[in-house]
C-alpha atoms as a PDB file:
ATOM      1  CA  MET A   1      -0.031   0.139   0.054  1.00  0.00           C
ATOM      2  CA  ALA A   2       1.402   3.481  -0.931  1.00  0.00           C
ATOM      3  CA  VAL A   3      -0.433   6.648  -0.610  1.00  0.00           C
ATOM      4  CA  ALA A   4       0.779   9.721  -3.123  1.00  0.00           C
ATOM      5  CA  ARG A   5       3.217  12.288  -1.290  1.00  0.00           C
ATOM      6  CA  GLU A   6       0.281  14.853  -2.027  1.00  0.00           C
ATOM      7  CA  TYR A   7      -2.704  12.557  -0.250  1.00  0.00           C
ATOM      8  CA  ARG A   8      -0.617  11.743   3.102  1.00  0.00           C
ATOM      9  CA  ARG A   9      -1.262  13.234   6.549  1.00  0.00           C
ATOM     10  CA  ARG A  10      -5.164  13.377   5.076  1.00  0.00           C
ATOM     11  CA  ARG A  11      -6.038  10.333   6.942  1.00  0.00           C
ATOM     12  CA  VAL A  12      -6.304   8.080   3.580  1.00  0.00           C
ATOM     13  CA  GLY A  13      -3.536   5.356   5.015  1.00  0.00           C
ATOM     14  CA  SER A  14      -5.907   4.982   8.069  1.00  0.00           C
ATOM     15  CA  ALA A  15      -9.044   4.692   5.808  1.00  0.00           C
ATOM     16  CA  LEU A  16      -7.572   1.987   3.717  1.00  0.00           C
ATOM     17  CA  LEU A  17      -6.286   0.410   6.721  1.00  0.00           C
ATOM     18  CA  ALA A  18      -9.485   0.458   8.790  1.00  0.00           C
ATOM     19  CA  THR A  19     -11.264  -1.058   5.327  1.00  0.00           C
ATOM     20  CA  ALA A  20      -8.539  -3.334   5.125  1.00  0.00           C
ATOM     21  CA  GLN A  21      -9.266  -5.237   8.376  1.00  0.00           C
ATOM     22  CA  GLN A  22     -12.867  -4.567   8.162  1.00  0.00           C
ATOM     23  CA  MET A  23     -13.194  -6.841   4.960  1.00  0.00           C
ATOM     24  CA  VAL A  24     -10.497  -9.491   6.729  1.00  0.00           C
ATOM     25  CA  GLU A  25     -13.224  -9.934   9.754  1.00  0.00           C
ATOM     26  CA  THR A  26     -16.411  -9.784   7.210  1.00  0.00           C
ATOM     27  CA  GLN A  27     -14.649 -12.629   5.522  1.00  0.00           C
ATOM     28  CA  GLY A  28     -13.500 -14.421   8.442  1.00  0.00           C
ATOM     29  CA  MET A  29      -9.740 -14.477   6.958  1.00  0.00           C
ATOM     30  CA  GLY A  30      -6.858 -14.790   9.551  1.00  0.00           C
ATOM     31  CA  GLY A  31      -4.926 -11.391   9.295  1.00  0.00           C
ATOM     32  CA  LEU A  32      -2.561  -9.181   7.025  1.00  0.00           C
ATOM     33  CA  GLN A  33       0.760  -9.186   6.619  1.00  0.00           C
ATOM     34  CA  LEU A  34       3.446  -6.572   5.534  1.00  0.00           C
ATOM     35  CA  THR A  35       6.324  -5.332   4.708  1.00  0.00           C
ATOM     36  CA  VAL A  36       7.604  -2.140   5.495  1.00  0.00           C
ATOM     37  CA  ARG A  37      11.358   0.100   4.993  1.00  0.00           C
ATOM     38  CA  LYS A  38      12.712   0.201   8.696  1.00  0.00           C
ATOM     39  CA  HIS A  39      13.046   3.920   7.599  1.00  0.00           C
ATOM     40  CA  ASN A  40       9.587   4.448   7.058  1.00  0.00           C
ATOM     41  CA  GLU A  41       9.020   5.721  10.757  1.00  0.00           C
ATOM     42  CA  PRO A  42       5.786   7.167   9.646  1.00  0.00           C
ATOM     43  CA  ALA A  43       4.244   3.863   8.081  1.00  0.00           C
ATOM     44  CA  ILE A  44       5.194   2.029  11.140  1.00  0.00           C
ATOM     45  CA  ARG A  45       3.580   4.374  13.680  1.00  0.00           C
ATOM     46  CA  LEU A  46       0.605   4.244  11.916  1.00  0.00           C
ATOM     47  CA  TYR A  47       0.604   0.479  11.107  1.00  0.00           C
ATOM     48  CA  GLU A  48       1.581   0.016  15.199  1.00  0.00           C
ATOM     49  CA  ARG A  49      -1.993   2.311  15.936  1.00  0.00           C
ATOM     50  CA  PHE A  50      -3.631  -0.322  14.012  1.00  0.00           C
ATOM     51  CA  ALA A  51      -2.598  -3.520  16.066  1.00  0.00           C
ATOM     52  CA  PHE A  52       0.154  -4.382  13.700  1.00  0.00           C
ATOM     53  CA  GLU A  53       3.335  -6.125  15.511  1.00  0.00           C
ATOM     54  CA  LYS A  54       6.712  -6.759  13.683  1.00  0.00           C
ATOM     55  CA  THR A  55       7.358 -10.635  13.348  1.00  0.00           C
ATOM     56  CA  ASP A  56      10.408 -10.732  11.687  1.00  0.00           C
ATOM     57  CA  GLU A  57      13.323  -7.795   9.998  1.00  0.00           C
ATOM     58  CA  THR A  58      15.777  -7.976   7.032  1.00  0.00           C
ATOM     59  CA  GLU A  59      18.726  -5.891   6.881  1.00  0.00           C
ATOM     60  CA  THR A  60      16.262  -3.234   5.203  1.00  0.00           C
ATOM     61  CA  ASP A  61      12.879  -4.007   6.282  1.00  0.00           C
ATOM     62  CA  PHE A  62      10.070  -5.480   8.939  1.00  0.00           C
ATOM     63  CA  LYS A  63       7.489  -7.605   8.790  1.00  0.00           C
ATOM     64  CA  MET A  64       4.734  -7.200  10.254  1.00  0.00           C
ATOM     65  CA  ARG A  65       1.293  -8.879  10.770  1.00  0.00           C
ATOM     66  CA  TRP A  66      -2.442  -7.838  12.299  1.00  0.00           C
ATOM     67  CA  GLN A  67      -4.240 -11.007  13.422  1.00  0.00           C
ATOM     68  CA  ASN A  68      -8.090 -11.083  13.198  1.00  0.00           C
ATOM     69  CA  ARG A  69      -8.771 -12.448  16.596  1.00  0.00           C
ATOM     70  CA  ALA A  70     -12.256 -13.397  15.915  1.00  0.00           C
ATOM     71  CA  ALA A  71     -11.088 -15.384  13.471  1.00  0.00           C
ATOM     72  CA  ALA A  72      -8.645 -17.398  16.218  1.00  0.00           C
ATOM     73  CA  HIS A  73     -12.469 -18.536  18.060  1.00  0.00           C
END
């Protein structure tokens, strides 16, 4: 997911993540996974606000996952 520079800081990324999480919950899927560059602090903070957790890392990236808790039950 990427948001064009001119649309950043307008909650577009938040809307995309919220919609994706809602779709996962509605479909009963397990969760979402993504990769983000380690230097992209604004994106990492956004993902953490949406309950994504770091699960792995490479030299340049973090892998992050959001678990649909409802699907686990």
